[in-house]
């Protein structure tokens, strides 16, 4: 099974650290890259700037909705409209549980939607379960290998 690079687009430092720590506890030991705003995420994915994705690599994007510069819904929209990125699995990880927002993200093509529980232990357990899930699924590679 090809190793998947986990992209964590999360502006809250504590939430990002919690996600990273609990994915590791669930046995996800591959590379994890963190982006603190939507523009950084898009720049990486669309291969602009210093840090760029490698074509032909399997990625999974854990995407917060409420982020600076470009919000997560707009990042999702741009990813799913891009022919090279549209296969990228995107899991929305957010405190927003508005049913209309959930529906909108699914309509735009998110793979799944995970609400962040408010309590630390519940959030840690939710991320651990996500990690267990990621251990048994295969992710598609993104873009063409050069």
Protein backbone atom coordinates (compact mmCIF):
# COMPACT_ATOMS: atom_id res chain seq x y z
CA UNK A 1 0.00 0.00 0.00
CA UNK A 2 1.41 3.38 -1.04
CA UNK A 3 2.22 5.78 1.78
CA UNK A 4 -0.19 8.69 1.98
CA UNK A 5 0.92 12.22 2.82
CA UNK A 6 -1.59 13.81 5.22
CA UNK A 7 -2.18 17.50 4.57
CA UNK A 8 -3.60 19.30 7.60
CA UNK A 9 -5.12 22.68 6.77
CA UNK A 10 -5.88 24.06 10.24
CA UNK A 11 -5.27 27.58 11.55
CA UNK A 12 -5.64 26.66 15.25
CA UNK A 13 -2.23 25.48 16.50
CA UNK A 14 -3.71 23.40 19.35
CA UNK A 15 -6.20 21.64 17.05
CA UNK A 16 -3.46 20.91 14.51
CA UNK A 17 -1.18 19.45 17.20
CA UNK A 18 -4.04 17.34 18.54
CA UNK A 19 -4.80 15.99 15.06
CA UNK A 20 -1.14 15.18 14.38
CA UNK A 21 -0.60 13.51 17.76
CA UNK A 22 -3.72 11.36 17.57
CA UNK A 23 -3.12 10.28 13.99
CA UNK A 24 0.29 9.01 15.13
CA UNK A 25 -1.34 7.23 18.08
CA UNK A 26 -3.64 5.50 15.58
CA UNK A 27 -0.64 4.20 13.65
CA UNK A 28 -0.49 6.82 10.88
CA UNK A 29 3.27 7.30 10.76
CA UNK A 30 3.70 8.80 7.29
CA UNK A 31 4.49 12.37 6.46
CA UNK A 32 2.14 15.07 7.72
CA UNK A 33 2.27 18.62 6.39
CA UNK A 34 0.47 21.49 8.07
CA UNK A 35 -0.89 24.67 6.52
CA UNK A 36 -2.22 27.52 8.64
CA UNK A 37 -4.38 29.19 5.99
CA UNK A 38 -6.25 28.33 2.83
CA UNK A 39 -3.89 30.18 0.52
CA UNK A 40 -0.87 28.16 1.72
CA UNK A 41 -2.88 25.00 1.09
CA UNK A 42 -3.80 26.03 -2.45
CA UNK A 43 -0.26 27.17 -3.24
CA UNK A 44 1.09 23.76 -2.22
CA UNK A 45 -1.56 21.79 -4.10
CA UNK A 46 -1.44 23.93 -7.24
CA UNK A 47 2.37 23.81 -7.19
CA UNK A 48 3.04 27.50 -6.60
CA UNK A 49 5.71 28.79 -4.24
CA UNK A 50 8.52 27.02 -2.41
CA UNK A 51 6.67 24.04 -0.95
CA UNK A 52 4.87 22.05 -3.65
CA UNK A 53 3.15 18.71 -3.94
CA UNK A 54 4.85 15.94 -5.87
CA UNK A 55 2.79 14.74 -8.85
CA UNK A 56 1.82 11.08 -8.64
CA UNK A 57 1.87 11.05 -4.82
CA UNK A 58 -1.12 9.98 -2.72
CA UNK A 59 -2.41 12.79 -0.49
CA UNK A 60 -5.30 13.21 1.90
CA UNK A 61 -6.46 16.70 2.85
CA UNK A 62 -7.93 17.33 6.30
CA UNK A 63 -9.50 20.74 5.78
CA UNK A 64 -10.88 23.20 8.33
CA UNK A 65 -13.63 25.51 7.07
CA UNK A 66 -12.91 28.66 9.04
CA UNK A 67 -9.41 29.69 7.97
CA UNK A 68 -7.72 32.98 7.12
CA UNK A 69 -7.04 34.26 3.59
CA UNK A 70 -9.09 31.60 1.77
CA UNK A 71 -11.72 29.64 3.70
CA UNK A 72 -11.97 25.87 3.53
CA UNK A 73 -15.12 25.81 1.39
CA UNK A 74 -13.37 27.86 -1.29
CA UNK A 75 -10.28 25.62 -1.07
CA UNK A 76 -12.56 22.60 -1.53
CA UNK A 77 -14.28 24.22 -4.53
CA UNK A 78 -10.96 25.01 -6.24
CA UNK A 79 -9.52 21.56 -5.56
CA UNK A 80 -12.54 19.77 -7.01
CA UNK A 81 -12.57 22.03 -10.10
CA UNK A 82 -8.90 21.34 -10.85
CA UNK A 83 -8.47 18.36 -13.25
CA UNK A 84 -5.22 17.29 -11.54
CA UNK A 85 -6.62 17.56 -8.00
CA UNK A 86 -10.24 16.44 -8.29
CA UNK A 87 -9.42 12.88 -7.12
CA UNK A 88 -7.83 14.24 -3.92
CA UNK A 89 -9.78 12.92 -0.92
CA UNK A 90 -10.86 15.84 1.26
CA UNK A 91 -12.21 15.40 4.76
CA UNK A 92 -13.72 18.53 6.25
CA UNK A 93 -12.68 18.76 9.92
CA UNK A 94 -14.45 21.67 11.54
CA UNK A 95 -16.46 23.00 14.45
CA UNK A 96 -19.19 24.01 12.00
CA UNK A 97 -22.08 21.55 12.12
CA UNK A 98 -24.66 23.64 10.25
CA UNK A 99 -26.61 21.16 8.07
CA UNK A 100 -26.55 23.59 5.13
CA UNK A 101 -22.76 23.88 5.36
CA UNK A 102 -22.42 20.10 5.55
CA UNK A 103 -24.65 19.71 2.47
CA UNK A 104 -22.73 22.41 0.59
CA UNK A 105 -19.40 20.68 1.25
CA UNK A 106 -20.78 17.35 0.05
CA UNK A 107 -22.19 19.00 -3.08
CA UNK A 108 -18.75 20.46 -3.79
CA UNK A 109 -17.22 17.00 -3.51
CA UNK A 110 -15.80 16.47 -0.04
CA UNK A 111 -15.18 12.83 0.81
CA UNK A 112 -16.42 13.16 4.38
CA UNK A 113 -17.32 15.72 7.00
CA UNK A 114 -16.12 15.44 10.60
CA UNK A 115 -17.33 17.85 13.27
CA UNK A 116 -14.75 18.66 15.93
CA UNK A 117 -16.17 17.77 19.34
CA UNK A 118 -15.75 20.58 21.85
CA UNK A 119 -14.34 18.35 24.59
CA UNK A 120 -10.65 17.45 24.29
CA UNK A 121 -11.09 13.72 24.94
CA UNK A 122 -13.93 13.44 22.42
CA UNK A 123 -11.89 15.25 19.78
CA UNK A 124 -8.86 13.07 20.46
CA UNK A 125 -11.02 9.94 20.14
CA UNK A 126 -12.60 11.18 16.89
CA UNK A 127 -9.15 11.76 15.35
CA UNK A 128 -7.93 8.38 16.59
CA UNK A 129 -10.88 6.71 14.86
CA UNK A 130 -10.14 8.68 11.71
CA UNK A 131 -6.58 7.35 11.87
CA UNK A 132 -7.82 3.77 12.20
CA UNK A 133 -10.04 4.33 9.17
CA UNK A 134 -7.12 5.71 7.16
CA UNK A 135 -5.13 2.55 7.92
CA UNK A 136 -7.58 0.42 5.92
CA UNK A 137 -8.44 2.58 2.91
CA UNK A 138 -6.43 3.27 -0.21
CA UNK A 139 -5.93 6.82 -1.48
CA UNK A 140 -5.54 7.73 -5.15
CA UNK A 141 -2.40 9.46 -6.34
CA UNK A 142 -2.88 13.06 -7.40
CA UNK A 143 -1.80 14.63 -10.67
CA UNK A 144 0.55 13.22 -13.19
CA UNK A 145 4.00 11.99 -12.27
CA UNK A 146 6.68 13.94 -14.11
